[in-house]
Amino acid sequence: SRSFLTGLLIIVLIGFIASIGFSWMLQTRLSNENAAELLRINIKYVKQDILDASDKNLLELAHEVADSLDNGLNTSPERLAELMKQYDVSEIDLVNADGIIVGCTNREFVGFDMKSGEQSAEFMALADGTAKEVVQNYQPISYDASIARKYGGVAIEGGFLQVGYDA
């Protein structure tokens, strides 16, 4: 009976140790998965907070630039270039009510029809009065798909003003 009890004790100890090992591995895996999921969720929220702050900042810059143009009286290329440097943005566009860029820090864009591209056409809501502000995420621009830029626009008298910055 002594050898039976010793064998039984060894079997119980092996079972106990195996049970502890299995529980430890299972709990560790579950903890790692929970931590990874929590990190994914938090990163998603932080990313959205950053995008919201970026959108807000870009719209504030667009309003400040619009206010700096003296109600459209001073929209020379030199003044736009000065404002571009002052506000540290990549581009400033003045667009008339027909959607044609009439003033821009990039002279190549002057005369571009905003209705002609999917990305730029989103801003036509500013020209027709259905929106007062529009902001986009970074994406290729309609004029040149090799350029990715984020734009914010605000309605002004006679059209709208668009401000863009690069990533």
N, C-alpha and C. Protein backbone atom coordinates (compact mmCIF):
# COMPACT_ATOMS: atom_id res chain seq x y z
N SER A 1 0.82 -1.19 0.00
CA SER A 1 0.00 0.00 0.00
C SER A 1 0.87 1.26 0.00
N ARG A 2 2.07 1.15 0.62
CA ARG A 2 2.97 2.30 0.65
C ARG A 2 3.40 2.69 -0.77
N SER A 3 3.74 1.73 -1.60
CA SER A 3 4.16 2.03 -2.97
C SER A 3 2.98 2.57 -3.78
N PHE A 4 1.78 2.10 -3.49
CA PHE A 4 0.59 2.61 -4.17
C PHE A 4 0.37 4.08 -3.81
N LEU A 5 0.48 4.42 -2.52
CA LEU A 5 0.30 5.80 -2.07
C LEU A 5 1.39 6.71 -2.64
N THR A 6 2.61 6.22 -2.72
CA THR A 6 3.71 7.01 -3.30
C THR A 6 3.43 7.27 -4.78
N GLY A 7 3.01 6.25 -5.48
CA GLY A 7 2.68 6.41 -6.91
C GLY A 7 1.52 7.36 -7.10
N LEU A 8 0.52 7.24 -6.22
CA LEU A 8 -0.64 8.14 -6.28
C LEU A 8 -0.23 9.58 -6.01
N LEU A 9 0.66 9.77 -5.02
CA LEU A 9 1.17 11.11 -4.70
C LEU A 9 1.91 11.69 -5.89
N ILE A 10 2.73 10.90 -6.55
CA ILE A 10 3.49 11.36 -7.73
C ILE A 10 2.54 11.74 -8.86
N ILE A 11 1.54 10.93 -9.08
CA ILE A 11 0.56 11.21 -10.14
C ILE A 11 -0.20 12.50 -9.82
N VAL A 12 -0.62 12.66 -8.56
CA VAL A 12 -1.34 13.88 -8.16
C VAL A 12 -0.44 15.09 -8.32
N LEU A 13 0.84 14.98 -7.90
CA LEU A 13 1.78 16.10 -8.06
C LEU A 13 1.99 16.43 -9.54
N ILE A 14 2.16 15.43 -10.37
CA ILE A 14 2.32 15.67 -11.81
C ILE A 14 1.08 16.36 -12.37
N GLY A 15 -0.11 15.89 -11.97
CA GLY A 15 -1.35 16.51 -12.42
C GLY A 15 -1.47 17.94 -11.93
N PHE A 16 -1.07 18.18 -10.66
CA PHE A 16 -1.12 19.52 -10.10
C PHE A 16 -0.17 20.46 -10.84
N ILE A 17 1.05 20.01 -11.07
CA ILE A 17 2.04 20.83 -11.79
C ILE A 17 1.58 21.07 -13.23
N ALA A 18 1.03 20.06 -13.88
CA ALA A 18 0.53 20.24 -15.25
C ALA A 18 -0.63 21.23 -15.26
N SER A 19 -1.50 21.14 -14.26
CA SER A 19 -2.63 22.06 -14.16
C SER A 19 -2.16 23.49 -13.96
N ILE A 20 -1.18 23.69 -13.09
CA ILE A 20 -0.62 25.03 -12.86
C ILE A 20 0.02 25.55 -14.14
N GLY A 21 0.80 24.72 -14.81
CA GLY A 21 1.46 25.13 -16.06
C GLY A 21 0.45 25.50 -17.13
N PHE A 22 -0.60 24.68 -17.28
CA PHE A 22 -1.63 24.98 -18.28
C PHE A 22 -2.35 26.28 -17.94
N SER A 23 -2.71 26.45 -16.67
CA SER A 23 -3.39 27.69 -16.24
C SER A 23 -2.51 28.90 -16.46
N TRP A 24 -1.22 28.78 -16.16
CA TRP A 24 -0.30 29.90 -16.34
C TRP A 24 -0.20 30.29 -17.82
N MET A 25 -0.04 29.29 -18.69
CA MET A 25 0.06 29.57 -20.13
C MET A 25 -1.23 30.20 -20.65
N LEU A 26 -2.38 29.67 -20.24
CA LEU A 26 -3.66 30.19 -20.69
C LEU A 26 -3.87 31.63 -20.21
N GLN A 27 -3.61 31.89 -18.94
CA GLN A 27 -3.78 33.23 -18.38
C GLN A 27 -2.81 34.22 -19.03
N THR A 28 -1.59 33.80 -19.29
CA THR A 28 -0.61 34.67 -19.94
C THR A 28 -1.06 35.03 -21.35
N ARG A 29 -1.53 34.04 -22.09
CA ARG A 29 -2.02 34.30 -23.45
C ARG A 29 -3.22 35.24 -23.43
N LEU A 30 -4.16 35.00 -22.55
CA LEU A 30 -5.34 35.87 -22.46
C LEU A 30 -4.96 37.29 -22.05
N SER A 31 -4.02 37.40 -21.13
CA SER A 31 -3.55 38.73 -20.70
C SER A 31 -2.88 39.47 -21.85
N ASN A 32 -2.05 38.77 -22.61
CA ASN A 32 -1.38 39.39 -23.76
C ASN A 32 -2.39 39.84 -24.82
N GLU A 33 -3.39 39.00 -25.08
CA GLU A 33 -4.41 39.37 -26.06
C GLU A 33 -5.22 40.57 -25.58
N ASN A 34 -5.58 40.58 -24.31
CA ASN A 34 -6.32 41.72 -23.77
C ASN A 34 -5.51 43.00 -23.82
N ALA A 35 -4.22 42.92 -23.49
CA ALA A 35 -3.35 44.09 -23.54
C ALA A 35 -3.21 44.59 -24.97
N ALA A 36 -3.05 43.68 -25.91
CA ALA A 36 -2.92 44.07 -27.32
C ALA A 36 -4.20 44.74 -27.81
N GLU A 37 -5.34 44.20 -27.45
CA GLU A 37 -6.62 44.79 -27.86
C GLU A 37 -6.81 46.17 -27.24
N LEU A 38 -6.45 46.32 -25.98
CA LEU A 38 -6.55 47.62 -25.31
C LEU A 38 -5.63 48.63 -25.97
N LEU A 39 -4.43 48.23 -26.35
CA LEU A 39 -3.52 49.12 -27.07
C LEU A 39 -4.08 49.52 -28.43
N ARG A 40 -4.66 48.56 -29.16
CA ARG A 40 -5.27 48.89 -30.46
C ARG A 40 -6.38 49.92 -30.30
N ILE A 41 -7.21 49.74 -29.29
CA ILE A 41 -8.32 50.67 -29.06
C ILE A 41 -7.78 52.05 -28.69
N ASN A 42 -6.80 52.09 -27.79
CA ASN A 42 -6.25 53.38 -27.37
C ASN A 42 -5.54 54.09 -28.52
N ILE A 43 -4.82 53.34 -29.34
CA ILE A 43 -4.15 53.95 -30.49
C ILE A 43 -5.18 54.51 -31.46
N LYS A 44 -6.28 53.80 -31.65
CA LYS A 44 -7.35 54.29 -32.52
C LYS A 44 -7.91 55.61 -32.01
N TYR A 45 -8.13 55.70 -30.70
CA TYR A 45 -8.65 56.94 -30.12
C TYR A 45 -7.64 58.07 -30.19
N VAL A 46 -6.38 57.77 -29.95
CA VAL A 46 -5.35 58.80 -30.04
C VAL A 46 -5.23 59.29 -31.48
N LYS A 47 -5.28 58.37 -32.42
CA LYS A 47 -5.22 58.75 -33.84
C LYS A 47 -6.38 59.68 -34.20
N GLN A 48 -7.58 59.34 -33.72
CA GLN A 48 -8.74 60.19 -34.00
C GLN A 48 -8.60 61.56 -33.33
N ASP A 49 -8.06 61.59 -32.12
CA ASP A 49 -7.83 62.86 -31.43
C ASP A 49 -6.85 63.73 -32.21
N ILE A 50 -5.80 63.10 -32.74
CA ILE A 50 -4.82 63.84 -33.53
C ILE A 50 -5.45 64.37 -34.81
N LEU A 51 -6.26 63.54 -35.49
CA LEU A 51 -6.93 63.99 -36.71
C LEU A 51 -7.89 65.14 -36.41
N ASP A 52 -8.63 65.04 -35.31
CA ASP A 52 -9.56 66.11 -34.93
C ASP A 52 -8.80 67.41 -34.64
N ALA A 53 -7.68 67.30 -33.92
CA ALA A 53 -6.88 68.49 -33.61
C ALA A 53 -6.30 69.08 -34.89
N SER A 54 -5.86 68.23 -35.80
CA SER A 54 -5.31 68.69 -37.07
C SER A 54 -6.38 69.41 -37.89
N ASP A 55 -7.58 68.83 -37.94
CA ASP A 55 -8.69 69.46 -38.67
C ASP A 55 -9.02 70.83 -38.08
N LYS A 56 -9.11 70.88 -36.75
CA LYS A 56 -9.44 72.13 -36.07
C LYS A 56 -8.37 73.18 -36.34
N ASN A 57 -7.10 72.77 -36.24
CA ASN A 57 -6.00 73.70 -36.49
C ASN A 57 -6.03 74.23 -37.92
N LEU A 58 -6.27 73.35 -38.88
CA LEU A 58 -6.28 73.77 -40.27
C LEU A 58 -7.43 74.75 -40.55
N LEU A 59 -8.59 74.49 -39.97
CA LEU A 59 -9.71 75.41 -40.16
C LEU A 59 -9.44 76.76 -39.49
N GLU A 60 -8.81 76.74 -38.31
CA GLU A 60 -8.45 77.99 -37.65
C GLU A 60 -7.47 78.79 -38.52
N LEU A 61 -6.50 78.09 -39.11
CA LEU A 61 -5.55 78.76 -40.00
C LEU A 61 -6.27 79.35 -41.21
N ALA A 62 -7.21 78.61 -41.77
CA ALA A 62 -7.96 79.11 -42.93
C ALA A 62 -8.74 80.37 -42.56
N HIS A 63 -9.36 80.38 -41.39
CA HIS A 63 -10.09 81.58 -40.94
C HIS A 63 -9.14 82.76 -40.72
N GLU A 64 -7.98 82.48 -40.12
CA GLU A 64 -7.01 83.55 -39.88
C GLU A 64 -6.49 84.12 -41.19
N VAL A 65 -6.20 83.25 -42.15
CA VAL A 65 -5.73 83.72 -43.46
C VAL A 65 -6.82 84.54 -44.14
N ALA A 66 -8.06 84.07 -44.08
CA ALA A 66 -9.18 84.81 -44.68
C ALA A 66 -9.31 86.19 -44.04
N ASP A 67 -9.18 86.25 -42.72
CA ASP A 67 -9.26 87.54 -42.03
C ASP A 67 -8.09 88.45 -42.39
N SER A 68 -6.94 87.86 -42.69
CA SER A 68 -5.75 88.64 -43.03
C SER A 68 -5.79 89.21 -44.44
N LEU A 69 -6.73 88.78 -45.24
CA LEU A 69 -6.79 89.25 -46.63
C LEU A 69 -7.60 90.54 -46.79
N ASP A 70 -7.98 91.16 -45.70
CA ASP A 70 -8.69 92.45 -45.74
C ASP A 70 -9.92 92.38 -46.64
N ASN A 71 -10.77 91.37 -46.38
CA ASN A 71 -12.01 91.18 -47.15
C ASN A 71 -11.77 91.08 -48.65
N GLY A 72 -10.66 90.48 -49.03
CA GLY A 72 -10.36 90.23 -50.43
C GLY A 72 -9.75 91.42 -51.16
N LEU A 73 -9.41 92.47 -50.43
CA LEU A 73 -8.83 93.65 -51.09
C LEU A 73 -7.36 93.45 -51.44
N ASN A 74 -6.67 92.64 -50.67
CA ASN A 74 -5.24 92.45 -50.92
C ASN A 74 -4.97 90.96 -51.13
N THR A 75 -5.11 90.52 -52.39
CA THR A 75 -4.92 89.10 -52.70
C THR A 75 -3.82 88.90 -53.74
N SER A 76 -2.85 89.77 -53.71
CA SER A 76 -1.75 89.64 -54.67
C SER A 76 -0.95 88.38 -54.37
N PRO A 77 -0.25 87.86 -55.39
CA PRO A 77 0.59 86.68 -55.16
C PRO A 77 1.63 86.90 -54.06
N GLU A 78 2.14 88.13 -53.96
CA GLU A 78 3.13 88.43 -52.93
C GLU A 78 2.50 88.34 -51.54
N ARG A 79 1.28 88.87 -51.41
CA ARG A 79 0.59 88.82 -50.11
C ARG A 79 0.26 87.37 -49.74
N LEU A 80 -0.16 86.57 -50.70
CA LEU A 80 -0.46 85.16 -50.43
C LEU A 80 0.81 84.42 -50.01
N ALA A 81 1.93 84.70 -50.67
CA ALA A 81 3.20 84.06 -50.31
C ALA A 81 3.63 84.48 -48.91
N GLU A 82 3.41 85.74 -48.58
CA GLU A 82 3.73 86.24 -47.24
C GLU A 82 2.89 85.52 -46.18
N LEU A 83 1.60 85.37 -46.45
CA LEU A 83 0.71 84.67 -45.51
C LEU A 83 1.06 83.19 -45.40
N MET A 84 1.47 82.59 -46.52
CA MET A 84 1.85 81.19 -46.51
C MET A 84 3.03 80.98 -45.55
N LYS A 85 4.01 81.88 -45.60
CA LYS A 85 5.16 81.78 -44.71
C LYS A 85 4.76 82.10 -43.27
N GLN A 86 3.94 83.12 -43.10
CA GLN A 86 3.53 83.55 -41.76
C GLN A 86 2.78 82.44 -41.02
N TYR A 87 1.89 81.75 -41.72
CA TYR A 87 1.08 80.72 -41.09
C TYR A 87 1.66 79.31 -41.27
N ASP A 88 2.82 79.21 -41.91
CA ASP A 88 3.53 77.94 -42.08
C ASP A 88 2.63 76.88 -42.72
N VAL A 89 2.05 77.23 -43.86
CA VAL A 89 1.23 76.29 -44.62
C VAL A 89 1.88 76.06 -45.97
N SER A 90 1.44 75.04 -46.68
CA SER A 90 2.06 74.69 -47.96
C SER A 90 1.42 75.40 -49.14
N GLU A 91 0.16 75.81 -48.97
CA GLU A 91 -0.55 76.38 -50.12
C GLU A 91 -1.74 77.20 -49.63
N ILE A 92 -2.00 78.28 -50.34
CA ILE A 92 -3.21 79.08 -50.13
C ILE A 92 -3.85 79.30 -51.49
N ASP A 93 -5.14 79.00 -51.61
CA ASP A 93 -5.88 79.18 -52.86
C ASP A 93 -7.08 80.08 -52.63
N LEU A 94 -7.29 80.99 -53.56
CA LEU A 94 -8.51 81.78 -53.59
C LEU A 94 -9.32 81.27 -54.78
N VAL A 95 -10.56 80.89 -54.51
CA VAL A 95 -11.39 80.29 -55.54
C VAL A 95 -12.67 81.11 -55.67
N ASN A 96 -13.04 81.41 -56.92
CA ASN A 96 -14.26 82.20 -57.12
C ASN A 96 -15.50 81.31 -57.01
N ALA A 97 -16.67 81.92 -57.12
CA ALA A 97 -17.93 81.19 -56.95
C ALA A 97 -18.14 80.13 -58.03
N ASP A 98 -17.45 80.25 -59.16
CA ASP A 98 -17.57 79.25 -60.23
C ASP A 98 -16.63 78.06 -60.02
N GLY A 99 -15.80 78.12 -58.99
CA GLY A 99 -14.89 77.02 -58.71
C GLY A 99 -13.55 77.13 -59.42
N ILE A 100 -13.21 78.29 -59.91
CA ILE A 100 -11.94 78.50 -60.61
C ILE A 100 -10.95 79.15 -59.64
N ILE A 101 -9.76 78.60 -59.55
CA ILE A 101 -8.73 79.20 -58.69
C ILE A 101 -8.26 80.50 -59.35
N VAL A 102 -8.46 81.61 -58.64
CA VAL A 102 -8.09 82.92 -59.17
C VAL A 102 -6.83 83.48 -58.52
N GLY A 103 -6.44 82.91 -57.41
CA GLY A 103 -5.22 83.32 -56.73
C GLY A 103 -4.66 82.14 -55.98
N CYS A 104 -3.33 81.99 -56.08
CA CYS A 104 -2.73 80.81 -55.44
C CYS A 104 -1.25 81.07 -55.21
N THR A 105 -0.73 80.44 -54.17
CA THR A 105 0.71 80.54 -53.92
C THR A 105 1.51 79.70 -54.92
N ASN A 106 0.85 78.77 -55.58
CA ASN A 106 1.47 78.00 -56.65
C ASN A 106 0.84 78.48 -57.96
N ARG A 107 1.56 79.28 -58.72
CA ARG A 107 1.01 79.92 -59.92
C ARG A 107 0.48 78.92 -60.95
N GLU A 108 1.00 77.68 -60.93
CA GLU A 108 0.53 76.66 -61.87
C GLU A 108 -0.95 76.33 -61.65
N PHE A 109 -1.42 76.49 -60.42
CA PHE A 109 -2.80 76.11 -60.09
C PHE A 109 -3.82 77.18 -60.49
N VAL A 110 -3.37 78.41 -60.77
CA VAL A 110 -4.29 79.48 -61.16
C VAL A 110 -5.01 79.08 -62.45
N GLY A 111 -6.33 79.19 -62.43
CA GLY A 111 -7.14 78.82 -63.57
C GLY A 111 -7.68 77.40 -63.49
N PHE A 112 -7.25 76.63 -62.50
CA PHE A 112 -7.72 75.25 -62.35
C PHE A 112 -9.19 75.26 -61.93
N ASP A 113 -9.97 74.40 -62.56
CA ASP A 113 -11.40 74.28 -62.24
C ASP A 113 -11.57 73.24 -61.13
N MET A 114 -12.01 73.67 -59.97
CA MET A 114 -12.14 72.78 -58.82
C MET A 114 -13.18 71.69 -59.05
N LYS A 115 -14.10 71.90 -59.97
CA LYS A 115 -15.12 70.89 -60.25
C LYS A 115 -14.56 69.72 -61.07
N SER A 116 -13.36 69.87 -61.59
CA SER A 116 -12.83 68.87 -62.52
C SER A 116 -12.22 67.64 -61.84
N GLY A 117 -12.04 67.67 -60.54
CA GLY A 117 -11.45 66.52 -59.86
C GLY A 117 -12.28 66.11 -58.66
N GLU A 118 -12.21 64.83 -58.33
CA GLU A 118 -13.01 64.31 -57.20
C GLU A 118 -12.59 64.95 -55.88
N GLN A 119 -11.29 65.04 -55.65
CA GLN A 119 -10.80 65.62 -54.40
C GLN A 119 -11.17 67.09 -54.30
N SER A 120 -10.93 67.86 -55.34
CA SER A 120 -11.19 69.30 -55.30
C SER A 120 -12.67 69.63 -55.34
N ALA A 121 -13.48 68.79 -55.95
CA ALA A 121 -14.92 69.06 -56.07
C ALA A 121 -15.62 69.07 -54.72
N GLU A 122 -15.04 68.41 -53.71
CA GLU A 122 -15.64 68.42 -52.37
C GLU A 122 -15.77 69.84 -51.83
N PHE A 123 -14.90 70.73 -52.26
CA PHE A 123 -14.91 72.10 -51.76
C PHE A 123 -15.96 72.97 -52.44
N MET A 124 -16.61 72.45 -53.45
CA MET A 124 -17.64 73.24 -54.13
C MET A 124 -18.85 73.50 -53.22
N ALA A 125 -18.98 72.75 -52.14
CA ALA A 125 -20.03 73.01 -51.15
C ALA A 125 -19.84 74.38 -50.52
N LEU A 126 -18.61 74.88 -50.52
CA LEU A 126 -18.34 76.22 -50.01
C LEU A 126 -18.83 77.29 -50.99
N ALA A 127 -18.69 77.02 -52.27
CA ALA A 127 -19.07 77.99 -53.29
C ALA A 127 -20.59 78.11 -53.44
N ASP A 128 -21.29 76.97 -53.31
CA ASP A 128 -22.74 77.02 -53.48
C ASP A 128 -23.48 77.30 -52.17
N GLY A 129 -22.75 77.49 -51.07
CA GLY A 129 -23.37 77.89 -49.81
C GLY A 129 -23.91 76.75 -48.96
N THR A 130 -23.71 75.50 -49.36
CA THR A 130 -24.21 74.39 -48.55
C THR A 130 -23.31 74.10 -47.36
N ALA A 131 -22.11 74.67 -47.32
CA ALA A 131 -21.21 74.50 -46.18
C ALA A 131 -20.44 75.80 -45.97
N LYS A 132 -20.05 76.03 -44.74
CA LYS A 132 -19.23 77.21 -44.42
C LYS A 132 -17.77 76.83 -44.23
N GLU A 133 -17.53 75.55 -43.89
CA GLU A 133 -16.18 75.04 -43.71
C GLU A 133 -16.11 73.62 -44.26
N VAL A 134 -14.98 73.29 -44.85
CA VAL A 134 -14.73 71.92 -45.32
C VAL A 134 -13.27 71.60 -45.01
N VAL A 135 -13.04 70.41 -44.49
CA VAL A 135 -11.67 69.95 -44.25
C VAL A 135 -11.56 68.52 -44.76
N GLN A 136 -10.42 68.20 -45.33
CA GLN A 136 -10.18 66.86 -45.87
C GLN A 136 -9.01 66.22 -45.15
N ASN A 137 -8.92 64.91 -45.26
CA ASN A 137 -7.74 64.19 -44.80
C ASN A 137 -6.66 64.29 -45.86
N TYR A 138 -5.45 63.86 -45.52
CA TYR A 138 -4.37 63.83 -46.50
C TYR A 138 -4.76 62.89 -47.63
N GLN A 139 -4.59 63.37 -48.86
CA GLN A 139 -4.89 62.56 -50.03
C GLN A 139 -4.26 63.22 -51.26
N PRO A 140 -4.12 62.46 -52.35
CA PRO A 140 -3.58 63.05 -53.57
C PRO A 140 -4.51 64.16 -54.07
N ILE A 141 -3.91 65.24 -54.55
CA ILE A 141 -4.73 66.35 -55.03
C ILE A 141 -5.15 66.12 -56.48
N SER A 142 -6.23 66.77 -56.87
CA SER A 142 -6.77 66.57 -58.22
C SER A 142 -5.84 67.09 -59.30
N TYR A 143 -5.14 68.18 -59.05
CA TYR A 143 -4.28 68.77 -60.06
C TYR A 143 -3.08 67.87 -60.37
N ASP A 144 -2.51 67.24 -59.33
CA ASP A 144 -1.31 66.42 -59.51
C ASP A 144 -1.35 65.29 -58.47
N ALA A 145 -1.66 64.08 -58.91
CA ALA A 145 -1.83 62.95 -57.99
C ALA A 145 -0.55 62.57 -57.25
N SER A 146 0.61 63.11 -57.67
CA SER A 146 1.85 62.80 -56.97
C SER A 146 2.02 63.64 -55.71
N ILE A 147 1.14 64.63 -55.52
CA ILE A 147 1.19 65.49 -54.34
C ILE A 147 0.05 65.10 -53.40
N ALA A 148 0.40 64.75 -52.16
CA ALA A 148 -0.61 64.45 -51.14
C ALA A 148 -0.64 65.63 -50.17
N ARG A 149 -1.82 66.15 -49.95
CA ARG A 149 -1.95 67.34 -49.12
C ARG A 149 -3.28 67.30 -48.38
N LYS A 150 -3.32 67.97 -47.26
CA LYS A 150 -4.55 68.11 -46.47
C LYS A 150 -5.02 69.54 -46.64
N TYR A 151 -6.31 69.70 -46.97
CA TYR A 151 -6.86 71.02 -47.20
C TYR A 151 -7.99 71.33 -46.24
N GLY A 152 -8.08 72.60 -45.91
CA GLY A 152 -9.23 73.13 -45.19
C GLY A 152 -9.68 74.36 -45.93
N GLY A 153 -10.98 74.52 -46.03
CA GLY A 153 -11.50 75.68 -46.75
C GLY A 153 -12.61 76.35 -45.98
N VAL A 154 -12.72 77.67 -46.20
CA VAL A 154 -13.79 78.45 -45.59
C VAL A 154 -14.42 79.33 -46.66
N ALA A 155 -15.73 79.51 -46.52
CA ALA A 155 -16.45 80.36 -47.46
C ALA A 155 -16.09 81.81 -47.19
N ILE A 156 -15.86 82.54 -48.26
CA ILE A 156 -15.64 83.99 -48.18
C ILE A 156 -16.53 84.63 -49.23
N GLU A 157 -16.62 85.93 -49.19
CA GLU A 157 -17.47 86.64 -50.15
C GLU A 157 -16.94 86.39 -51.57
N GLY A 158 -17.80 85.90 -52.44
CA GLY A 158 -17.44 85.68 -53.83
C GLY A 158 -16.77 84.35 -54.10
N GLY A 159 -16.78 83.43 -53.14
CA GLY A 159 -16.16 82.12 -53.36
C GLY A 159 -15.69 81.51 -52.06
N PHE A 160 -14.46 81.00 -52.08
CA PHE A 160 -13.92 80.42 -50.85
C PHE A 160 -12.40 80.46 -50.87
N LEU A 161 -11.84 80.31 -49.68
CA LEU A 161 -10.41 80.28 -49.50
C LEU A 161 -10.03 78.89 -49.02
N GLN A 162 -8.96 78.36 -49.58
CA GLN A 162 -8.52 77.02 -49.26
C GLN A 162 -7.06 77.10 -48.79
N VAL A 163 -6.78 76.42 -47.68
CA VAL A 163 -5.43 76.37 -47.13
C VAL A 163 -5.02 74.90 -47.05
N GLY A 164 -3.80 74.60 -47.44
CA GLY A 164 -3.35 73.21 -47.41
C GLY A 164 -2.00 73.09 -46.75
N TYR A 165 -1.80 71.93 -46.11
CA TYR A 165 -0.45 71.64 -45.64
C TYR A 165 -0.11 70.18 -45.86
N ASP A 166 1.22 69.97 -45.95
CA ASP A 166 1.73 68.64 -46.24
C ASP A 166 1.92 67.86 -44.94
N ALA A 167 2.00 66.55 -45.09
CA ALA A 167 2.18 65.69 -43.92
C ALA A 167 3.51 66.00 -43.26
